[in-house]
């Protein structure tokens, strides 16, 4: 069940996930947590028959593509525009049902489309956007970049997304080559910051990670060829790392849901091999690690929690993985003052579970224990 922006709602004798052996009475008013008090009587005296419930902050997916209906964008262009719109609305709904209450769209979705879907289809997913991605085709000098950025700013996007290197579409030996000159890269970041926009950087590795640390971007994405020295520089600069690790395991399987060509699977497999070491370097250096999926098709939307399994397989504890999707993700968004915690005054974005999410064995068990997804004030 999805509970949208409740004006008044009270939960009694519930656990707050991560706080053991205490129950709380929690009231929501006008879509925000109004009061949180420890329950009376003491938990040991709670009347038999009261269902055990846990409340946890809503999950924040820092890297998704809600506008994409097909892995190959040319396939999306063949679809009827109304069909694409309906599929996008379904992606919003599926993402919300999995417990994701806030998403940062990493390119392809303008703010106007978010408003249209909310108004005409109803899903209450909170979305921050980057509108268009700046990639290799935009490496045409500062004047061109200034015009491209102007369009992004005018769209109302909160983020600027730089495709600093190639990805699965690039040959293995060139995947870390920069798409922009160093001058162009730093111009984009400076210009974005001058217009109060945050910057996220798609990079598989190489010199663009160094540029990201020096420029003070908010986050790098993917980063599977991150070195130990670079991790230290990211930590010192306060740049977060969103590895989006599970998508590469999915892409590497030629029999998986994406069923990609073998050459793409092979490139993904190389990323899978490298990712655990990059995450280890970042974790040891104290880099903030954020939860992001890079999911972009109907086969993937609604399965976002799988990223938790991959993060734990790659060295995070279950608790660290959950925090990467809640409090840490909120901080990376710049919304740590109102998202990512069950606290008075915070937006009531939350998940109600019928089992302790901190004791879940995996993402599948966690998702099956979801009772209600709550989205707070707009």
Protein backbone atom coordinates (compact mmCIF):
# COMPACT_ATOMS: atom_id res chain seq x y z
CA UNK A 1 0.00 0.00 0.00
CA UNK A 2 1.14 3.54 -0.74
CA UNK A 3 0.08 6.29 1.65
CA UNK A 4 0.44 9.66 -0.05
CA UNK A 5 1.13 12.86 1.94
CA UNK A 6 -0.97 11.97 5.00
CA UNK A 7 -2.51 15.00 6.65
CA UNK A 8 -2.91 13.16 9.93
CA UNK A 9 -1.67 9.68 10.83
CA UNK A 10 -0.50 8.03 14.05
CA UNK A 11 1.50 4.84 14.55
CA UNK A 12 1.54 3.43 18.08
CA UNK A 13 4.02 1.01 19.64
CA UNK A 14 6.19 0.77 16.50
CA UNK A 15 9.90 0.20 16.35
CA UNK A 16 12.17 2.69 14.63
CA UNK A 17 14.53 0.58 12.53
CA UNK A 18 18.03 0.64 13.96
CA UNK A 19 16.90 1.43 17.51
CA UNK A 20 16.55 -1.94 19.26
CA UNK A 21 14.25 -2.78 22.19
CA UNK A 22 12.25 0.46 22.17
CA UNK A 23 8.84 1.22 20.76
CA UNK A 24 7.57 4.63 19.77
CA UNK A 25 4.35 6.53 19.17
CA UNK A 26 4.78 8.55 15.98
CA UNK A 27 2.38 11.14 14.62
CA UNK A 28 2.39 12.65 11.15
CA UNK A 29 0.78 16.00 10.43
CA UNK A 30 0.63 17.63 7.01
CA UNK A 31 3.13 15.15 5.57
CA UNK A 32 5.82 15.65 8.22
CA UNK A 33 6.74 13.84 11.42
CA UNK A 34 5.09 15.96 14.11
CA UNK A 35 5.99 14.03 17.25
CA UNK A 36 8.05 10.96 18.15
CA UNK A 37 7.85 9.75 21.73
CA UNK A 38 8.83 6.51 23.42
CA UNK A 39 5.76 4.38 23.99
CA UNK A 40 4.14 4.00 27.35
CA UNK A 41 3.75 1.27 28.58
CA UNK A 42 7.26 -0.16 28.25
CA UNK A 43 7.58 -2.62 25.31
CA UNK A 44 7.56 -5.61 27.68
CA UNK A 45 4.06 -4.63 28.77
CA UNK A 46 2.54 -4.16 25.32
CA UNK A 47 -0.70 -6.08 25.01
CA UNK A 48 -0.46 -9.38 23.18
CA UNK A 49 -1.84 -9.32 19.66
CA UNK A 50 -0.36 -5.98 18.67
CA UNK A 51 1.42 -6.49 15.34
CA UNK A 52 5.13 -5.76 15.41
CA UNK A 53 5.92 -3.05 12.90
CA UNK A 54 9.12 -1.19 12.07
CA UNK A 55 9.38 2.24 10.47
CA UNK A 56 12.41 3.11 8.36
CA UNK A 57 13.21 6.17 6.25
CA UNK A 58 12.22 5.83 2.60
CA UNK A 59 14.94 4.65 0.25
CA UNK A 60 16.68 7.26 -1.92
CA UNK A 61 17.90 6.05 -5.32
CA UNK A 62 20.62 8.50 -6.33
CA UNK A 63 20.99 7.25 -9.89
CA UNK A 64 18.07 6.05 -11.96
CA UNK A 65 16.58 6.71 -15.39
CA UNK A 66 12.81 6.96 -15.07
CA UNK A 67 12.29 8.30 -18.60
CA UNK A 68 13.91 5.37 -20.39
CA UNK A 69 11.69 2.56 -21.65
CA UNK A 70 14.38 0.63 -23.55
CA UNK A 71 18.07 -0.07 -23.06
CA UNK A 72 18.73 1.17 -26.60
CA UNK A 73 17.38 4.70 -26.93
CA UNK A 74 16.66 4.15 -30.65
CA UNK A 75 14.07 1.56 -29.61
CA UNK A 76 12.34 4.12 -27.43
CA UNK A 77 12.13 6.53 -30.38
CA UNK A 78 10.09 3.90 -32.26
CA UNK A 79 7.37 3.93 -29.59
CA UNK A 80 4.23 6.07 -29.66
CA UNK A 81 4.71 9.13 -27.37
CA UNK A 82 1.65 8.24 -25.29
CA UNK A 83 2.95 4.70 -24.82
CA UNK A 84 6.27 6.13 -23.60
CA UNK A 85 4.43 8.43 -21.17
CA UNK A 86 2.40 5.54 -19.74
CA UNK A 87 5.53 3.42 -19.35
CA UNK A 88 7.27 6.28 -17.57
CA UNK A 89 4.35 6.61 -15.16
CA UNK A 90 4.54 2.85 -14.53
CA UNK A 91 8.26 3.24 -13.79
CA UNK A 92 7.44 5.87 -11.17
CA UNK A 93 4.85 3.59 -9.57
CA UNK A 94 7.06 0.48 -9.60
CA UNK A 95 9.96 2.42 -8.09
CA UNK A 96 7.73 3.76 -5.33
CA UNK A 97 6.31 0.32 -4.50
CA UNK A 98 9.80 -1.03 -3.87
CA UNK A 99 10.26 1.51 -1.07
CA UNK A 100 12.08 4.22 -3.03
CA UNK A 101 10.42 7.50 -2.06
CA UNK A 102 13.02 9.83 -3.60
CA UNK A 103 14.95 9.43 -6.82
CA UNK A 104 17.64 11.44 -8.56
CA UNK A 105 17.07 10.98 -12.27
CA UNK A 106 20.45 10.82 -13.99
CA UNK A 107 19.40 12.13 -17.38
CA UNK A 108 16.48 12.07 -19.77
CA UNK A 109 13.70 13.41 -17.58
CA UNK A 110 12.90 17.15 -17.46
CA UNK A 111 11.09 18.63 -14.44
CA UNK A 112 8.03 19.36 -16.59
CA UNK A 113 7.63 15.63 -17.24
CA UNK A 114 7.83 14.88 -13.51
CA UNK A 115 5.04 17.39 -12.84
CA UNK A 116 2.93 16.02 -15.69
CA UNK A 117 3.20 12.43 -14.49
CA UNK A 118 2.39 13.42 -10.91
CA UNK A 119 -0.65 15.43 -12.00
CA UNK A 120 -2.09 12.97 -14.52
CA UNK A 121 -1.06 9.57 -13.15
CA UNK A 122 -0.76 10.17 -9.41
CA UNK A 123 2.48 8.53 -8.22
CA UNK A 124 3.97 10.60 -5.41
CA UNK A 125 7.61 9.74 -6.01
CA UNK A 126 9.88 12.65 -5.10
CA UNK A 127 12.26 13.28 -8.03
CA UNK A 128 15.28 15.50 -8.57
CA UNK A 129 16.32 15.88 -12.19
CA UNK A 130 19.30 16.64 -14.40
CA UNK A 131 17.31 16.93 -17.66
CA UNK A 132 19.91 16.38 -20.44
CA UNK A 133 23.29 14.72 -20.09
CA UNK A 134 26.39 16.53 -21.35
CA UNK A 135 28.45 14.03 -23.31
CA UNK A 136 31.05 13.60 -26.04
CA UNK A 137 28.89 15.33 -28.65
CA UNK A 138 29.01 18.48 -26.50
CA UNK A 139 32.80 18.75 -26.54
CA UNK A 140 32.58 21.69 -28.93
CA UNK A 141 34.02 24.52 -26.90
CA UNK A 142 32.93 26.78 -24.09
CA UNK A 143 30.39 28.80 -26.07
CA UNK A 144 28.49 25.66 -27.03
CA UNK A 145 28.60 24.37 -23.46
CA UNK A 146 27.32 27.68 -22.14
CA UNK A 147 24.27 27.41 -24.40
CA UNK A 148 23.66 23.77 -23.46
CA UNK A 149 23.87 24.65 -19.78
CA UNK A 150 21.49 27.56 -20.28
CA UNK A 151 18.86 25.13 -21.53
CA UNK A 152 19.37 22.83 -18.55
CA UNK A 153 19.12 25.75 -16.11
CA UNK A 154 15.94 27.02 -17.80
CA UNK A 155 14.35 23.57 -17.51
CA UNK A 156 14.47 23.87 -13.72
CA UNK A 157 16.76 20.88 -13.21
CA UNK A 158 18.57 20.72 -9.87
CA UNK A 159 21.56 18.82 -11.26
CA UNK A 160 24.03 18.94 -14.13
CA UNK A 161 25.13 15.50 -15.36
CA UNK A 162 28.52 15.21 -17.05
CA UNK A 163 29.27 12.09 -19.09
CA UNK A 164 32.99 12.47 -18.47
CA UNK A 165 33.98 9.10 -19.95
CA UNK A 166 32.38 6.39 -22.00
CA UNK A 167 30.51 3.42 -20.56
CA UNK A 168 29.25 0.09 -21.81
CA UNK A 169 29.15 1.45 -25.34
CA UNK A 170 32.85 2.34 -25.38
CA UNK A 171 35.67 -0.05 -26.34
CA UNK A 172 37.41 -1.46 -23.28
CA UNK A 173 40.73 0.23 -24.02
CA UNK A 174 39.08 3.66 -24.34
CA UNK A 175 36.46 3.58 -21.60
CA UNK A 176 38.45 5.84 -19.24
CA UNK A 177 39.37 8.37 -21.93
CA UNK A 178 37.87 11.79 -21.17
CA UNK A 179 35.03 13.06 -23.35
CA UNK A 180 35.91 16.68 -22.59
CA UNK A 181 39.07 18.71 -22.33
CA UNK A 182 40.09 19.64 -18.82
CA UNK A 183 39.17 23.25 -19.58
CA UNK A 184 35.68 22.23 -20.74
CA UNK A 185 35.13 20.00 -17.73
CA UNK A 186 36.05 22.70 -15.22
CA UNK A 187 33.98 25.27 -17.12
CA UNK A 188 30.88 23.08 -16.81
CA UNK A 189 31.36 22.65 -13.07
CA UNK A 190 32.10 26.32 -12.42
CA UNK A 191 29.15 27.46 -14.51
CA UNK A 192 26.82 24.99 -12.80
CA UNK A 193 27.94 26.07 -9.34
CA UNK A 194 27.57 29.74 -10.30
CA UNK A 195 23.91 28.96 -11.04
CA UNK A 196 23.42 27.00 -7.80
CA UNK A 197 23.28 23.63 -9.54
CA UNK A 198 24.94 20.52 -8.18
CA UNK A 199 27.06 18.32 -10.45
CA UNK A 200 27.13 14.55 -10.85
CA UNK A 201 29.83 12.94 -12.99
CA UNK A 202 29.58 9.69 -14.90
CA UNK A 203 33.12 8.32 -14.94
CA UNK A 204 34.53 4.83 -15.12
CA UNK A 205 37.94 6.03 -14.00
CA UNK A 206 41.09 7.77 -15.08
CA UNK A 207 41.88 11.47 -15.01
CA UNK A 208 38.24 12.60 -14.84
CA UNK A 209 38.08 11.33 -11.26
CA UNK A 210 41.01 13.62 -10.46
CA UNK A 211 39.23 16.51 -12.18
CA UNK A 212 36.07 15.76 -10.19
CA UNK A 213 37.92 15.92 -6.88
CA UNK A 214 39.70 19.13 -7.85
CA UNK A 215 36.50 20.81 -9.06
CA UNK A 216 34.47 19.79 -6.02
CA UNK A 217 31.56 18.06 -7.75
CA UNK A 218 28.92 16.49 -5.55
CA UNK A 219 29.31 12.90 -6.68
CA UNK A 220 30.97 10.58 -9.13
CA UNK A 221 28.95 7.71 -10.57
CA UNK A 222 30.10 4.14 -11.34
CA UNK A 223 33.84 4.72 -10.77
CA UNK A 224 34.85 1.08 -10.97
CA UNK A 225 38.45 1.91 -11.88
CA UNK A 226 38.91 4.27 -8.94
CA UNK A 227 42.41 3.97 -7.44
CA UNK A 228 43.38 4.04 -3.79
CA UNK A 229 45.06 7.46 -4.17
CA UNK A 230 42.00 8.86 -5.92
CA UNK A 231 39.74 7.59 -3.14
CA UNK A 232 41.78 9.60 -0.66
CA UNK A 233 41.41 12.73 -2.79
CA UNK A 234 37.64 12.23 -3.10
CA UNK A 235 37.36 11.91 0.68
CA UNK A 236 39.45 15.03 1.24
CA UNK A 237 37.33 16.99 -1.26
CA UNK A 238 34.03 15.69 0.16
CA UNK A 239 33.01 14.13 -3.16
CA UNK A 240 30.60 11.21 -2.80
CA UNK A 241 30.77 7.92 -4.73
CA UNK A 242 27.64 6.27 -6.17
CA UNK A 243 28.89 2.96 -7.62
CA UNK A 244 25.62 1.65 -9.14
CA UNK A 245 27.17 -1.80 -8.86
CA UNK A 246 24.23 -4.15 -9.43
CA UNK A 247 23.45 -2.97 -12.97
CA UNK A 248 26.80 -4.24 -14.20
CA UNK A 249 26.22 -7.70 -12.75
CA UNK A 250 22.86 -7.73 -14.53
CA UNK A 251 24.37 -6.48 -17.80
CA UNK A 252 27.17 -9.04 -17.65
CA UNK A 253 24.74 -11.97 -17.83
CA UNK A 254 23.93 -12.73 -21.50
CA UNK A 255 20.91 -14.75 -20.33
CA UNK A 256 19.71 -12.07 -17.93
CA UNK A 257 16.73 -9.74 -18.19
CA UNK A 258 18.61 -7.29 -20.46
CA UNK A 259 19.91 -9.98 -22.83
CA UNK A 260 22.62 -7.71 -24.20
CA UNK A 261 25.06 -8.53 -27.01
CA UNK A 262 28.09 -10.51 -25.92
CA UNK A 263 30.51 -7.63 -26.48
CA UNK A 264 28.52 -5.49 -24.04
CA UNK A 265 28.30 -8.34 -21.55
CA UNK A 266 32.08 -8.72 -21.70
CA UNK A 267 32.59 -5.02 -20.96
CA UNK A 268 30.14 -5.23 -18.06
CA UNK A 269 31.99 -8.27 -16.72
CA UNK A 270 35.19 -6.23 -16.62
CA UNK A 271 33.38 -3.60 -14.59
CA UNK A 272 32.05 -6.26 -12.22
CA UNK A 273 35.56 -7.57 -11.67
CA UNK A 274 36.87 -4.10 -10.79
CA UNK A 275 34.02 -2.70 -8.71
CA UNK A 276 34.67 -4.46 -5.36
CA UNK A 277 38.19 -3.05 -5.13
CA UNK A 278 37.00 0.49 -5.93
CA UNK A 279 34.33 0.27 -3.24
CA UNK A 280 36.90 -1.09 -0.77
CA UNK A 281 39.23 1.84 -1.48
CA UNK A 282 36.40 4.33 -1.04
CA UNK A 283 35.12 2.76 2.17
CA UNK A 284 38.58 2.67 3.76
CA UNK A 285 39.27 6.29 2.75
CA UNK A 286 36.01 7.50 4.28
CA UNK A 287 34.31 8.50 1.04
CA UNK A 288 30.54 8.82 1.39
CA UNK A 289 29.01 5.88 -0.48
CA UNK A 290 25.55 6.43 -1.93
CA UNK A 291 22.89 4.02 -3.13
CA UNK A 292 22.07 4.22 -6.84
CA UNK A 293 20.84 1.64 -9.32
CA UNK A 294 21.15 3.06 -12.85
CA UNK A 295 17.98 1.08 -13.62
CA UNK A 296 16.35 2.15 -16.84
CA UNK A 297 13.85 -0.36 -18.26
CA UNK A 298 10.53 -1.97 -17.19
CA UNK A 299 12.45 -5.17 -16.42
CA UNK A 300 14.44 -3.32 -13.74
CA UNK A 301 12.20 -0.63 -12.25
CA UNK A 302 10.73 -1.93 -9.01
CA UNK A 303 13.72 -4.12 -8.21
CA UNK A 304 15.88 -1.27 -6.86
CA UNK A 305 16.64 -2.95 -3.54
CA UNK A 306 18.87 -5.46 -5.34
CA UNK A 307 21.61 -2.85 -5.10
CA UNK A 308 21.75 -3.54 -1.35
CA UNK A 309 22.75 -7.15 -2.03
CA UNK A 310 25.54 -6.09 -4.36
CA UNK A 311 26.88 -3.49 -1.95
CA UNK A 312 27.06 -6.08 0.83
CA UNK A 313 28.65 -8.62 -1.51
CA UNK A 314 31.29 -5.96 -2.21
CA UNK A 315 32.17 -5.32 1.42
CA UNK A 316 29.59 -3.07 3.08
CA UNK A 317 27.75 -4.29 6.14
CA UNK A 318 23.96 -4.53 5.82
CA UNK A 319 23.66 -1.53 8.13
CA UNK A 320 26.08 0.50 5.99
CA UNK A 321 24.17 -0.43 2.85
CA UNK A 322 20.85 0.68 4.37
CA UNK A 323 22.38 3.98 5.47
CA UNK A 324 23.81 4.52 1.98
CA UNK A 325 20.19 4.43 0.80
CA UNK A 326 18.76 6.69 3.51
CA UNK A 327 20.69 9.14 5.68
CA UNK A 328 23.87 9.21 3.58
CA UNK A 329 21.91 9.49 0.34
CA UNK A 330 19.93 12.40 1.78
CA UNK A 331 23.17 14.18 2.68
CA UNK A 332 24.50 13.66 -0.86
CA UNK A 333 21.31 15.17 -2.27
CA UNK A 334 21.74 18.17 0.01
CA UNK A 335 18.49 17.22 1.75
CA UNK A 336 19.88 15.78 4.97
CA UNK A 337 18.01 18.43 6.95
CA UNK A 338 14.61 16.99 5.97
CA UNK A 339 15.06 13.51 4.45
CA UNK A 340 16.66 10.21 5.39
CA UNK A 341 15.69 10.07 9.07
CA UNK A 342 12.69 9.38 11.25
CA UNK A 343 12.82 12.65 13.17
CA UNK A 344 10.47 15.43 14.18
CA UNK A 345 10.05 18.03 11.47
CA UNK A 346 11.36 15.76 8.74
CA UNK A 347 9.33 14.86 5.66
CA UNK A 348 7.32 11.73 6.37
CA UNK A 349 8.96 9.64 3.64
CA UNK A 350 9.04 6.20 5.20
CA UNK A 351 8.54 2.47 4.83
CA UNK A 352 6.54 0.37 7.28
CA UNK A 353 7.85 -3.22 7.58
CA UNK A 354 6.41 -6.22 9.39
CA UNK A 355 9.95 -7.46 10.15
CA UNK A 356 13.10 -5.71 11.31
CA UNK A 357 14.80 -4.42 8.13
CA UNK A 358 18.19 -4.54 9.86
CA UNK A 359 17.79 -8.31 10.25
CA UNK A 360 16.75 -9.03 6.67
CA UNK A 361 18.91 -11.66 4.97
CA UNK A 362 18.74 -10.01 1.55
CA UNK A 363 16.85 -7.53 -0.60
CA UNK A 364 14.17 -10.03 -1.57
CA UNK A 365 13.31 -10.73 2.07
CA UNK A 366 13.36 -7.00 2.80
CA UNK A 367 10.98 -6.19 -0.03
CA UNK A 368 8.55 -8.94 0.97
CA UNK A 369 8.30 -7.41 4.45
CA UNK A 370 7.07 -4.01 3.16
CA UNK A 371 3.59 -3.22 4.48
CA UNK A 372 3.21 0.44 3.50
CA UNK A 373 5.23 3.06 1.67
CA UNK A 374 4.58 6.60 2.89
CA UNK A 375 5.42 9.77 1.01
CA UNK A 376 5.41 13.04 2.88
CA UNK A 377 4.63 16.62 2.02
CA UNK A 378 5.30 17.83 -1.51
